N, C-alpha and C. Protein backbone atom coordinates (compact mmCIF):
# COMPACT_ATOMS: atom_id res chain seq x y z
N MET A 1 18.91 19.71 -3.86
CA MET A 1 17.85 19.73 -2.74
C MET A 1 16.40 19.67 -3.30
N LEU A 2 16.20 20.37 -4.36
CA LEU A 2 14.88 20.42 -4.94
C LEU A 2 14.46 18.94 -5.41
N GLU A 3 15.44 18.40 -6.09
CA GLU A 3 15.26 17.04 -6.62
C GLU A 3 14.91 16.05 -5.40
N LEU A 4 15.63 16.20 -4.36
CA LEU A 4 15.36 15.38 -3.30
C LEU A 4 14.01 15.65 -2.65
N PHE A 5 13.68 16.75 -2.51
CA PHE A 5 12.40 17.25 -2.02
C PHE A 5 11.27 16.59 -2.86
N LEU A 6 11.30 16.87 -4.19
CA LEU A 6 10.25 16.25 -5.11
C LEU A 6 10.24 14.81 -5.11
N SER A 7 11.31 14.10 -4.94
CA SER A 7 11.39 12.69 -4.91
C SER A 7 10.78 12.27 -3.61
N ALA A 8 11.05 12.83 -2.49
CA ALA A 8 10.58 12.29 -1.20
C ALA A 8 9.01 12.73 -1.23
N PHE A 9 8.60 13.83 -1.73
CA PHE A 9 7.19 14.45 -1.64
C PHE A 9 6.37 13.30 -2.51
N ILE A 10 6.79 12.97 -3.75
CA ILE A 10 6.02 12.19 -4.62
C ILE A 10 5.91 10.72 -3.96
N THR A 11 7.06 10.28 -3.45
CA THR A 11 7.01 8.92 -2.76
C THR A 11 6.00 8.94 -1.65
N LEU A 12 6.01 9.88 -0.72
CA LEU A 12 5.29 9.99 0.48
C LEU A 12 3.79 10.16 0.11
N PHE A 13 3.65 11.04 -0.99
CA PHE A 13 2.13 11.34 -1.44
C PHE A 13 1.47 9.99 -1.95
N VAL A 14 2.27 9.33 -2.69
CA VAL A 14 1.69 8.09 -3.35
C VAL A 14 1.35 7.08 -2.14
N VAL A 15 2.32 7.02 -1.24
CA VAL A 15 2.07 5.98 -0.22
C VAL A 15 0.98 6.34 0.82
N ILE A 16 1.07 7.60 1.22
CA ILE A 16 -0.06 8.11 2.21
C ILE A 16 -1.32 8.33 1.58
N ASP A 17 -1.24 8.80 0.22
CA ASP A 17 -2.40 8.82 -0.65
C ASP A 17 -3.66 9.70 -0.09
N PRO A 18 -3.47 11.04 0.02
CA PRO A 18 -4.41 11.97 0.57
C PRO A 18 -5.88 11.76 -0.21
N PRO A 19 -5.85 11.77 -1.67
CA PRO A 19 -7.00 11.56 -2.27
C PRO A 19 -7.79 10.29 -1.95
N GLY A 20 -7.01 9.26 -1.68
CA GLY A 20 -7.58 7.99 -1.22
C GLY A 20 -8.11 7.99 0.15
N CYS A 21 -7.42 8.68 1.08
CA CYS A 21 -7.83 8.74 2.38
C CYS A 21 -9.06 9.54 2.65
N ALA A 22 -9.27 10.56 1.87
CA ALA A 22 -10.35 11.55 2.04
C ALA A 22 -11.73 10.88 2.01
N PRO A 23 -12.08 10.17 0.96
CA PRO A 23 -13.42 9.60 0.78
C PRO A 23 -13.75 8.58 1.88
N ILE A 24 -12.61 7.77 2.29
CA ILE A 24 -12.76 6.72 3.34
C ILE A 24 -13.06 7.39 4.69
N TYR A 25 -12.37 8.62 4.86
CA TYR A 25 -12.58 9.30 6.11
C TYR A 25 -13.95 9.87 6.17
N ALA A 26 -14.51 10.28 4.99
CA ALA A 26 -15.86 10.96 4.91
C ALA A 26 -16.91 9.77 5.28
N GLY A 27 -16.64 8.52 4.81
CA GLY A 27 -17.55 7.48 5.07
C GLY A 27 -17.57 7.10 6.65
N LEU A 28 -16.27 7.18 7.21
CA LEU A 28 -16.10 6.83 8.65
C LEU A 28 -16.73 7.89 9.57
N THR A 29 -16.83 9.06 9.10
CA THR A 29 -17.27 10.11 10.02
C THR A 29 -18.71 10.48 9.59
N LYS A 30 -19.54 9.76 8.88
CA LYS A 30 -20.78 10.06 8.54
C LYS A 30 -21.70 10.21 9.79
N GLY A 31 -22.33 11.36 9.88
CA GLY A 31 -23.14 11.73 10.93
C GLY A 31 -22.47 12.70 11.98
N ALA A 32 -21.20 12.98 11.83
CA ALA A 32 -20.51 13.87 12.62
C ALA A 32 -20.76 15.26 12.18
N SER A 33 -20.66 16.28 13.11
CA SER A 33 -20.79 17.68 12.71
C SER A 33 -19.68 18.17 11.90
N ALA A 34 -19.66 19.24 11.43
CA ALA A 34 -18.51 19.78 10.53
C ALA A 34 -17.32 20.00 11.63
N ALA A 35 -17.69 20.54 12.69
CA ALA A 35 -16.66 20.83 13.78
C ALA A 35 -16.10 19.64 14.16
N GLN A 36 -16.77 18.58 14.44
CA GLN A 36 -16.29 17.25 14.96
C GLN A 36 -15.41 16.62 13.86
N SER A 37 -15.84 16.69 12.73
CA SER A 37 -15.10 16.03 11.43
C SER A 37 -13.75 16.83 11.29
N ARG A 38 -13.86 18.11 11.36
CA ARG A 38 -12.60 18.95 11.20
C ARG A 38 -11.63 18.64 12.22
N ASN A 39 -12.08 18.56 13.57
CA ASN A 39 -11.29 18.34 14.66
C ASN A 39 -10.50 17.00 14.57
N MET A 40 -11.38 15.97 14.10
CA MET A 40 -10.85 14.75 14.03
C MET A 40 -9.80 14.66 12.86
N ALA A 41 -10.00 15.26 11.74
CA ALA A 41 -9.16 15.29 10.72
C ALA A 41 -7.79 15.82 11.03
N LEU A 42 -7.84 17.04 11.78
CA LEU A 42 -6.64 17.67 12.23
C LEU A 42 -5.89 16.86 13.23
N ARG A 43 -6.73 16.22 14.16
CA ARG A 43 -6.02 15.40 15.15
C ARG A 43 -5.30 14.12 14.55
N ALA A 44 -6.10 13.55 13.53
CA ALA A 44 -5.40 12.32 12.89
C ALA A 44 -4.23 12.75 12.15
N SER A 45 -4.11 13.92 11.49
CA SER A 45 -2.87 14.35 10.79
C SER A 45 -1.87 14.60 11.70
N LEU A 46 -2.24 15.14 12.92
CA LEU A 46 -1.12 15.44 13.86
C LEU A 46 -0.58 14.15 14.50
N ILE A 47 -1.48 13.22 14.91
CA ILE A 47 -0.95 12.02 15.36
C ILE A 47 -0.14 11.18 14.35
N ALA A 48 -0.51 11.20 13.09
CA ALA A 48 0.23 10.64 12.03
C ALA A 48 1.59 11.23 11.99
N ALA A 49 1.66 12.50 11.97
CA ALA A 49 2.95 13.30 11.88
C ALA A 49 3.88 12.83 12.98
N VAL A 50 3.33 12.70 14.27
CA VAL A 50 4.14 12.34 15.37
C VAL A 50 4.66 10.84 15.18
N ILE A 51 3.80 9.95 14.74
CA ILE A 51 4.24 8.64 14.62
C ILE A 51 5.39 8.55 13.38
N LEU A 52 5.01 9.14 12.37
CA LEU A 52 6.02 9.02 11.29
C LEU A 52 7.37 9.75 11.64
N LEU A 53 7.34 10.83 12.39
CA LEU A 53 8.44 11.50 12.78
C LEU A 53 9.38 10.58 13.65
N VAL A 54 8.56 10.00 14.63
CA VAL A 54 9.34 9.04 15.45
C VAL A 54 10.02 8.03 14.72
N PHE A 55 9.32 7.40 13.78
CA PHE A 55 10.06 6.23 13.05
C PHE A 55 11.09 6.87 12.04
N ALA A 56 10.85 8.15 11.63
CA ALA A 56 11.93 8.67 10.80
C ALA A 56 13.20 8.79 11.54
N LEU A 57 13.14 9.24 12.74
CA LEU A 57 14.32 9.58 13.51
C LEU A 57 14.83 8.32 14.21
N PHE A 58 13.95 7.57 14.69
CA PHE A 58 14.33 6.40 15.67
C PHE A 58 13.92 5.05 15.12
N GLY A 59 13.28 4.87 13.96
CA GLY A 59 12.64 3.74 13.39
C GLY A 59 13.56 2.42 13.50
N GLU A 60 14.73 2.59 12.86
CA GLU A 60 15.45 1.38 12.90
C GLU A 60 15.94 0.87 14.20
N ASP A 61 16.37 1.91 15.01
CA ASP A 61 16.85 1.39 16.39
C ASP A 61 15.46 0.83 17.22
N LEU A 62 14.39 1.39 17.00
CA LEU A 62 13.23 0.96 17.70
C LEU A 62 12.84 -0.40 17.42
N LEU A 63 12.69 -0.71 16.04
CA LEU A 63 12.32 -1.99 15.59
C LEU A 63 13.48 -3.12 15.84
N GLY A 64 14.74 -2.67 15.82
CA GLY A 64 15.74 -3.56 16.30
C GLY A 64 15.76 -3.99 17.67
N ALA A 65 15.47 -2.92 18.46
CA ALA A 65 15.49 -3.27 19.96
C ALA A 65 14.31 -4.06 20.31
N LEU A 66 13.13 -3.91 19.65
CA LEU A 66 12.03 -4.80 20.02
C LEU A 66 12.00 -6.12 19.14
N HIS A 67 12.96 -6.28 18.25
CA HIS A 67 12.98 -7.62 17.45
C HIS A 67 11.73 -7.69 16.60
N ILE A 68 11.21 -6.52 16.05
CA ILE A 68 9.97 -6.53 15.24
C ILE A 68 10.42 -6.26 13.72
N ASP A 69 9.93 -7.19 12.96
CA ASP A 69 10.14 -7.03 11.50
C ASP A 69 9.03 -6.25 10.94
N LEU A 70 9.29 -5.36 9.92
CA LEU A 70 8.30 -4.38 9.22
C LEU A 70 7.14 -5.29 8.69
N ASN A 71 7.47 -6.53 8.22
CA ASN A 71 6.41 -7.39 7.78
C ASN A 71 5.22 -7.67 8.73
N SER A 72 5.63 -7.64 10.09
CA SER A 72 4.67 -7.76 11.22
C SER A 72 3.66 -6.67 11.05
N PHE A 73 4.18 -5.36 10.82
CA PHE A 73 3.39 -4.18 10.62
C PHE A 73 2.34 -4.31 9.52
N ARG A 74 2.89 -4.81 8.42
CA ARG A 74 2.00 -5.00 7.34
C ARG A 74 0.87 -6.04 7.66
N ILE A 75 1.18 -7.11 8.13
CA ILE A 75 0.11 -8.09 8.59
C ILE A 75 -0.90 -7.51 9.47
N ALA A 76 -0.35 -6.96 10.62
CA ALA A 76 -1.25 -6.41 11.60
C ALA A 76 -2.20 -5.33 11.05
N GLY A 77 -1.56 -4.38 10.38
CA GLY A 77 -2.35 -3.35 9.65
C GLY A 77 -3.37 -3.84 8.79
N GLY A 78 -3.08 -4.75 7.95
CA GLY A 78 -3.99 -5.42 7.08
C GLY A 78 -5.24 -6.04 7.84
N LEU A 79 -4.95 -6.72 8.86
CA LEU A 79 -6.12 -7.23 9.66
C LEU A 79 -7.03 -6.21 10.29
N MET A 80 -6.37 -5.09 10.71
CA MET A 80 -7.17 -4.06 11.29
C MET A 80 -8.04 -3.32 10.18
N LEU A 81 -7.43 -3.02 8.97
CA LEU A 81 -8.13 -2.43 7.92
C LEU A 81 -9.18 -3.33 7.46
N PHE A 82 -9.10 -4.66 7.45
CA PHE A 82 -10.09 -5.50 7.05
C PHE A 82 -11.31 -5.40 7.89
N PHE A 83 -11.07 -5.38 9.27
CA PHE A 83 -12.13 -5.14 10.14
C PHE A 83 -13.04 -4.02 9.83
N ILE A 84 -12.22 -2.94 9.63
CA ILE A 84 -12.95 -1.57 9.32
C ILE A 84 -13.68 -1.72 7.99
N ALA A 85 -13.07 -2.36 7.04
CA ALA A 85 -13.76 -2.50 5.61
C ALA A 85 -15.10 -3.29 5.79
N PHE A 86 -15.03 -4.32 6.71
CA PHE A 86 -16.16 -5.10 6.81
C PHE A 86 -17.31 -4.30 7.42
N GLU A 87 -17.04 -3.42 8.50
CA GLU A 87 -18.05 -2.62 8.95
C GLU A 87 -18.57 -1.59 8.10
N MET A 88 -17.68 -1.07 7.17
CA MET A 88 -18.15 -0.06 6.15
C MET A 88 -19.21 -0.63 5.14
N VAL A 89 -18.78 -2.08 4.72
CA VAL A 89 -19.75 -2.56 3.61
C VAL A 89 -21.05 -3.00 4.26
N PHE A 90 -21.07 -3.36 5.55
CA PHE A 90 -22.38 -3.79 6.07
C PHE A 90 -22.96 -2.87 6.94
N GLU A 91 -22.52 -1.61 6.94
CA GLU A 91 -23.05 -0.36 7.63
C GLU A 91 -23.27 -0.64 9.17
N LYS A 92 -22.28 -1.41 9.78
CA LYS A 92 -22.29 -1.63 11.24
C LYS A 92 -22.03 -0.21 11.91
N ARG A 93 -21.23 0.52 11.35
CA ARG A 93 -20.87 1.81 12.11
C ARG A 93 -22.08 2.74 11.93
N THR A 94 -22.75 2.73 10.84
CA THR A 94 -23.96 3.66 10.78
C THR A 94 -25.08 3.18 11.88
N GLN A 95 -25.18 1.87 11.97
CA GLN A 95 -26.12 1.39 13.00
C GLN A 95 -25.79 1.83 14.40
N ARG A 96 -24.49 1.67 14.70
CA ARG A 96 -24.00 2.08 16.04
C ARG A 96 -24.19 3.61 16.31
N ARG A 97 -24.03 4.41 15.34
CA ARG A 97 -24.19 5.82 15.51
C ARG A 97 -25.55 6.19 15.64
N GLU A 98 -26.42 5.61 14.89
CA GLU A 98 -27.89 5.84 15.07
C GLU A 98 -28.39 5.43 16.65
N GLU A 99 -27.80 4.35 17.14
CA GLU A 99 -28.11 3.98 18.47
C GLU A 99 -27.62 5.03 19.53
N ARG A 100 -26.51 5.39 19.13
CA ARG A 100 -25.68 6.34 20.08
C ARG A 100 -26.47 7.69 20.12
N ALA A 101 -26.97 8.13 18.90
CA ALA A 101 -27.69 9.42 18.78
C ALA A 101 -29.02 9.33 19.61
N GLU A 102 -29.65 8.19 19.66
CA GLU A 102 -30.81 8.05 20.46
C GLU A 102 -30.48 8.15 21.85
N ARG A 103 -29.37 7.65 22.37
CA ARG A 103 -29.11 7.64 23.81
C ARG A 103 -28.61 8.99 24.28
N VAL A 104 -27.86 9.80 23.34
CA VAL A 104 -27.34 10.99 23.76
C VAL A 104 -27.85 12.05 22.78
N ASN A 105 -28.97 12.45 22.91
CA ASN A 105 -29.56 13.36 21.84
C ASN A 105 -29.17 14.81 21.97
N ALA A 106 -28.92 15.32 23.14
CA ALA A 106 -28.47 16.74 23.22
C ALA A 106 -27.13 16.91 22.56
N ASP A 107 -26.17 16.04 22.88
CA ASP A 107 -24.78 16.23 22.38
C ASP A 107 -24.27 14.87 21.82
N PRO A 108 -24.82 14.38 20.77
CA PRO A 108 -24.42 13.04 20.33
C PRO A 108 -22.84 12.85 20.28
N GLU A 109 -22.40 11.75 20.83
CA GLU A 109 -20.94 11.44 20.91
C GLU A 109 -20.65 10.61 19.60
N ILE A 110 -19.85 11.17 18.80
CA ILE A 110 -19.41 10.48 17.52
C ILE A 110 -18.13 9.77 17.80
N GLU A 111 -18.10 8.53 17.34
CA GLU A 111 -16.92 7.62 17.40
C GLU A 111 -15.66 8.43 16.83
N ASP A 112 -14.66 8.48 17.75
CA ASP A 112 -13.39 9.15 17.40
C ASP A 112 -12.63 8.17 16.46
N VAL A 113 -12.43 8.50 15.15
CA VAL A 113 -11.69 7.53 14.31
C VAL A 113 -10.33 8.23 14.00
N SER A 114 -9.91 9.35 14.76
CA SER A 114 -8.70 10.03 14.39
C SER A 114 -7.43 9.13 14.81
N VAL A 115 -7.44 8.45 15.78
CA VAL A 115 -6.23 7.49 16.14
C VAL A 115 -6.40 6.29 15.31
N PHE A 116 -7.57 5.52 15.42
CA PHE A 116 -7.66 4.28 14.67
C PHE A 116 -9.03 4.40 13.93
N PRO A 117 -9.11 4.18 12.62
CA PRO A 117 -8.04 3.77 11.82
C PRO A 117 -7.29 4.82 10.91
N MET A 118 -7.69 6.14 11.18
CA MET A 118 -7.02 7.07 10.30
C MET A 118 -5.62 7.39 10.39
N ALA A 119 -5.31 7.79 11.67
CA ALA A 119 -3.80 8.06 11.92
C ALA A 119 -2.95 6.85 11.69
N MET A 120 -3.46 5.71 12.22
CA MET A 120 -2.78 4.39 12.03
C MET A 120 -3.81 3.33 11.92
N PRO A 121 -3.80 2.53 10.93
CA PRO A 121 -2.85 2.37 9.93
C PRO A 121 -3.04 3.09 8.68
N MET A 122 -4.16 3.99 8.48
CA MET A 122 -4.46 4.52 7.18
C MET A 122 -3.44 5.45 6.71
N MET A 123 -2.90 6.46 7.53
CA MET A 123 -2.03 7.45 7.16
C MET A 123 -0.53 7.11 7.60
N ALA A 124 -0.32 6.71 8.74
CA ALA A 124 1.00 6.29 9.23
C ALA A 124 1.02 4.82 9.24
N GLY A 125 0.74 4.03 8.07
CA GLY A 125 0.71 2.67 7.99
C GLY A 125 2.14 2.06 7.65
N PRO A 126 2.18 0.91 7.47
CA PRO A 126 3.44 0.09 7.22
C PRO A 126 4.14 0.75 6.05
N GLY A 127 3.30 1.04 4.90
CA GLY A 127 3.92 1.54 3.68
C GLY A 127 4.65 2.92 3.96
N ALA A 128 3.80 3.86 4.81
CA ALA A 128 4.43 5.09 5.02
C ALA A 128 5.63 4.95 6.04
N ILE A 129 5.62 4.20 7.06
CA ILE A 129 6.70 3.95 7.92
C ILE A 129 7.97 3.53 7.22
N ALA A 130 7.70 2.43 6.23
CA ALA A 130 8.78 2.01 5.56
C ALA A 130 9.30 3.01 4.63
N ALA A 131 8.49 3.84 3.98
CA ALA A 131 9.02 4.86 2.99
C ALA A 131 9.77 5.89 3.71
N VAL A 132 9.29 6.39 4.86
CA VAL A 132 10.09 7.52 5.58
C VAL A 132 11.25 7.00 6.16
N MET A 133 11.28 5.79 6.72
CA MET A 133 12.63 5.12 7.16
C MET A 133 13.66 5.01 6.02
N LEU A 134 13.14 4.68 4.88
CA LEU A 134 14.02 4.39 3.81
C LEU A 134 14.59 5.79 3.25
N LEU A 135 13.67 6.76 3.12
CA LEU A 135 14.19 8.16 2.75
C LEU A 135 15.19 8.80 3.70
N MET A 136 14.94 8.52 4.96
CA MET A 136 15.91 9.04 6.04
C MET A 136 17.21 8.31 5.94
N ASN A 137 17.07 7.09 5.77
CA ASN A 137 18.34 6.23 5.64
C ASN A 137 19.27 6.69 4.46
N GLU A 138 18.54 7.11 3.35
CA GLU A 138 19.33 7.53 2.23
C GLU A 138 19.72 9.04 2.21
N ALA A 139 19.15 9.67 3.11
CA ALA A 139 19.49 11.15 3.29
C ALA A 139 20.97 11.25 3.86
N ASP A 140 21.76 12.12 3.27
CA ASP A 140 23.27 12.27 3.65
C ASP A 140 23.21 13.58 4.44
N GLY A 141 23.34 13.67 5.78
CA GLY A 141 23.60 14.76 6.56
C GLY A 141 22.24 15.35 7.00
N PHE A 142 22.38 16.46 7.80
CA PHE A 142 21.29 17.10 8.47
C PHE A 142 20.40 17.84 7.43
N GLU A 143 21.06 18.54 6.47
CA GLU A 143 20.20 19.28 5.43
C GLU A 143 19.36 18.36 4.80
N GLN A 144 19.79 17.27 4.19
CA GLN A 144 19.03 16.40 3.47
C GLN A 144 17.94 15.76 4.28
N SER A 145 18.18 15.38 5.50
CA SER A 145 17.17 14.84 6.46
C SER A 145 16.11 15.82 6.67
N ALA A 146 16.37 17.25 6.86
CA ALA A 146 15.43 18.19 6.91
C ALA A 146 14.61 18.37 5.69
N VAL A 147 15.11 18.12 4.58
CA VAL A 147 14.37 18.30 3.24
C VAL A 147 13.35 17.17 3.30
N VAL A 148 13.81 15.95 3.69
CA VAL A 148 12.80 14.73 3.74
C VAL A 148 11.64 15.04 4.70
N LEU A 149 12.06 15.50 5.76
CA LEU A 149 10.92 15.84 6.76
C LEU A 149 10.01 16.93 6.41
N GLY A 150 10.64 17.90 5.59
CA GLY A 150 9.83 19.03 5.06
C GLY A 150 8.90 18.44 4.11
N ALA A 151 9.14 17.41 3.19
CA ALA A 151 8.37 16.83 2.28
C ALA A 151 7.28 15.97 2.97
N LEU A 152 7.62 15.47 4.10
CA LEU A 152 6.59 14.74 4.84
C LEU A 152 5.55 15.60 5.42
N GLY A 153 6.02 16.80 5.95
CA GLY A 153 5.18 17.81 6.53
C GLY A 153 4.16 18.26 5.41
N ALA A 154 4.68 18.46 4.13
CA ALA A 154 3.80 19.04 3.05
C ALA A 154 2.80 18.04 2.73
N VAL A 155 3.10 16.83 2.69
CA VAL A 155 2.12 15.76 2.30
C VAL A 155 1.12 15.69 3.48
N LEU A 156 1.50 15.79 4.66
CA LEU A 156 0.51 15.58 5.83
C LEU A 156 -0.35 16.87 5.88
N LEU A 157 0.14 17.96 5.54
CA LEU A 157 -0.79 19.14 5.34
C LEU A 157 -1.79 19.05 4.23
N LEU A 158 -1.34 18.43 3.14
CA LEU A 158 -2.37 18.22 2.04
C LEU A 158 -3.29 17.27 2.41
N THR A 159 -2.93 16.21 3.14
CA THR A 159 -3.82 15.24 3.62
C THR A 159 -4.85 15.67 4.59
N ALA A 160 -4.43 16.59 5.49
CA ALA A 160 -5.23 17.12 6.52
C ALA A 160 -6.38 18.04 5.77
N PHE A 161 -6.03 18.82 4.75
CA PHE A 161 -6.91 19.73 3.85
C PHE A 161 -7.83 18.69 3.32
N ALA A 162 -7.34 17.61 2.59
CA ALA A 162 -8.30 16.69 1.95
C ALA A 162 -9.28 16.15 2.97
N LEU A 163 -8.97 15.79 4.04
CA LEU A 163 -9.81 15.14 5.10
C LEU A 163 -10.91 16.25 5.48
N VAL A 164 -10.53 17.53 5.65
CA VAL A 164 -11.50 18.46 6.07
C VAL A 164 -12.47 18.77 5.13
N ILE A 165 -12.16 18.80 3.83
CA ILE A 165 -13.14 19.06 2.82
C ILE A 165 -13.92 17.81 2.31
N ALA A 166 -13.52 16.67 2.67
CA ALA A 166 -14.06 15.47 2.06
C ALA A 166 -15.59 15.46 2.60
N GLY A 167 -15.87 15.54 4.06
CA GLY A 167 -17.21 15.41 4.51
C GLY A 167 -18.24 16.35 3.72
N PRO A 168 -17.92 17.63 3.69
CA PRO A 168 -18.85 18.53 2.99
C PRO A 168 -19.11 18.07 1.59
N LEU A 169 -18.19 17.70 0.84
CA LEU A 169 -18.33 17.26 -0.57
C LEU A 169 -19.22 16.03 -0.58
N MET A 170 -19.00 15.07 0.38
CA MET A 170 -19.87 13.96 0.25
C MET A 170 -21.26 14.32 0.78
N ARG A 171 -21.45 15.20 1.69
CA ARG A 171 -22.77 15.65 2.16
C ARG A 171 -23.59 16.13 0.97
N LEU A 172 -22.92 16.94 0.15
CA LEU A 172 -23.61 17.62 -0.92
C LEU A 172 -24.11 16.51 -1.98
N ALA A 173 -23.45 15.36 -1.95
CA ALA A 173 -23.83 14.39 -2.93
C ALA A 173 -25.07 13.64 -2.42
N GLY A 174 -25.41 13.70 -1.13
CA GLY A 174 -26.67 13.13 -0.62
C GLY A 174 -26.33 11.78 0.06
N ASP A 175 -27.45 11.25 0.82
CA ASP A 175 -27.23 10.02 1.65
C ASP A 175 -27.05 8.79 0.68
N ASN A 176 -27.85 8.76 -0.38
CA ASN A 176 -27.90 7.57 -1.17
C ASN A 176 -26.53 7.32 -1.85
N VAL A 177 -26.09 8.49 -2.44
CA VAL A 177 -24.67 8.44 -3.09
C VAL A 177 -23.58 8.04 -1.98
N GLN A 178 -23.79 8.71 -0.80
CA GLN A 178 -22.76 8.47 0.18
C GLN A 178 -22.71 7.01 0.65
N ASN A 179 -23.86 6.34 0.81
CA ASN A 179 -24.05 5.06 1.10
C ASN A 179 -23.32 4.09 0.06
N VAL A 180 -23.58 4.39 -1.21
CA VAL A 180 -23.06 3.59 -2.36
C VAL A 180 -21.49 3.72 -2.32
N VAL A 181 -21.09 4.90 -2.12
CA VAL A 181 -19.62 5.23 -2.06
C VAL A 181 -18.97 4.60 -1.00
N THR A 182 -19.54 4.69 0.20
CA THR A 182 -18.94 4.04 1.45
C THR A 182 -18.89 2.56 1.31
N ARG A 183 -19.85 1.85 0.75
CA ARG A 183 -19.84 0.44 0.46
C ARG A 183 -18.61 0.03 -0.42
N LEU A 184 -18.58 0.90 -1.69
CA LEU A 184 -17.66 0.53 -2.66
C LEU A 184 -16.29 0.76 -2.08
N LEU A 185 -16.07 1.91 -1.21
CA LEU A 185 -14.82 2.10 -0.70
C LEU A 185 -14.46 1.04 0.42
N GLY A 186 -15.50 0.40 0.99
CA GLY A 186 -15.24 -0.65 1.95
C GLY A 186 -14.65 -1.82 1.30
N VAL A 187 -15.28 -2.14 0.01
CA VAL A 187 -14.72 -3.35 -0.71
C VAL A 187 -13.24 -2.99 -1.14
N LEU A 188 -12.99 -1.86 -1.59
CA LEU A 188 -11.58 -1.40 -2.01
C LEU A 188 -10.62 -1.56 -0.79
N LEU A 189 -11.19 -1.04 0.33
CA LEU A 189 -10.33 -1.05 1.51
C LEU A 189 -9.99 -2.48 1.95
N ALA A 190 -11.03 -3.36 1.77
CA ALA A 190 -10.76 -4.80 2.17
C ALA A 190 -9.66 -5.39 1.11
N ALA A 191 -9.70 -4.99 -0.17
CA ALA A 191 -8.73 -5.49 -0.97
C ALA A 191 -7.30 -4.96 -0.63
N LEU A 192 -7.31 -3.66 -0.16
CA LEU A 192 -6.04 -3.07 0.30
C LEU A 192 -5.45 -3.80 1.48
N ALA A 193 -6.46 -4.13 2.42
CA ALA A 193 -6.08 -4.92 3.58
C ALA A 193 -5.40 -6.30 3.20
N ALA A 194 -6.11 -6.98 2.22
CA ALA A 194 -5.62 -8.17 1.77
C ALA A 194 -4.30 -8.14 1.22
N GLN A 195 -3.98 -6.94 0.49
CA GLN A 195 -2.70 -6.83 -0.21
C GLN A 195 -1.58 -6.55 0.90
N TYR A 196 -1.96 -5.85 2.04
CA TYR A 196 -1.00 -5.61 3.09
C TYR A 196 -0.65 -7.04 3.71
N ILE A 197 -1.67 -7.85 3.96
CA ILE A 197 -1.42 -9.18 4.60
C ILE A 197 -0.56 -10.06 3.61
N LEU A 198 -0.83 -10.00 2.31
CA LEU A 198 -0.07 -10.83 1.32
C LEU A 198 1.32 -10.27 1.25
N ASP A 199 1.60 -8.98 1.24
CA ASP A 199 2.93 -8.45 1.16
C ASP A 199 3.75 -8.88 2.43
N GLY A 200 2.99 -8.80 3.64
CA GLY A 200 3.64 -9.12 4.84
C GLY A 200 4.00 -10.68 4.91
N LEU A 201 3.17 -11.52 4.32
CA LEU A 201 3.40 -12.99 4.35
C LEU A 201 4.61 -13.22 3.44
N LYS A 202 4.46 -12.66 2.06
CA LYS A 202 5.56 -12.79 1.17
C LYS A 202 6.96 -12.33 1.73
N GLY A 203 6.90 -11.18 2.46
CA GLY A 203 8.24 -10.70 2.93
C GLY A 203 8.65 -11.65 4.15
N SER A 204 7.78 -12.14 4.90
CA SER A 204 8.14 -13.07 6.01
C SER A 204 8.68 -14.28 5.60
N PHE A 205 8.13 -14.96 4.42
CA PHE A 205 8.52 -16.19 4.05
C PHE A 205 9.38 -16.22 2.85
N GLY A 206 9.82 -14.94 2.33
CA GLY A 206 10.75 -14.88 1.27
C GLY A 206 10.23 -15.41 -0.04
N LEU A 207 8.95 -15.10 -0.25
CA LEU A 207 8.13 -15.57 -1.50
C LEU A 207 8.14 -14.65 -2.66
N GLY A 208 9.04 -13.67 -2.47
CA GLY A 208 9.12 -12.77 -3.71
C GLY A 208 9.01 -11.36 -3.26
């Protein structure tokens, strides 16, 4: 059971990638208060947990009933991530937040990124969905399935913690450093999005 837990934990940790999600989240929530950032981080983790739990328990039946191939998730997720990456590189989100702050000065409304793009496709993306479905398919019996779900819960808790502390750490670095990091991460996110799309196309057309 311990070996199964470690195997599932490492697999899901690599796919969900808490250290990678944290700085991207900090860039997306620039300008949010500590409470707003914390609430969105916890909400994103909870929503991702529900999505992955549904696919862990009913994923194969759901996709089969809807006649949806997992490669379609990869392509769609890649396109959504690319749109977010474009806005990060060219600071479109920063501009919108400044305009919103001017309109609502007393209680500025910060764009909620907990559902999109953090919960899905960043945390509960095609890779995580595929991984949890595969792990659950390989689990033999209720006990092993519970171990896999426990590993998933542990990874999501670590992810929530990483998201909560990401903002304060980035703010300590200052606006200039944060702007540079946000643009750099936007470029990396665009590359990740392109990889999602390429993987989806390769899988769809049997190119390797």
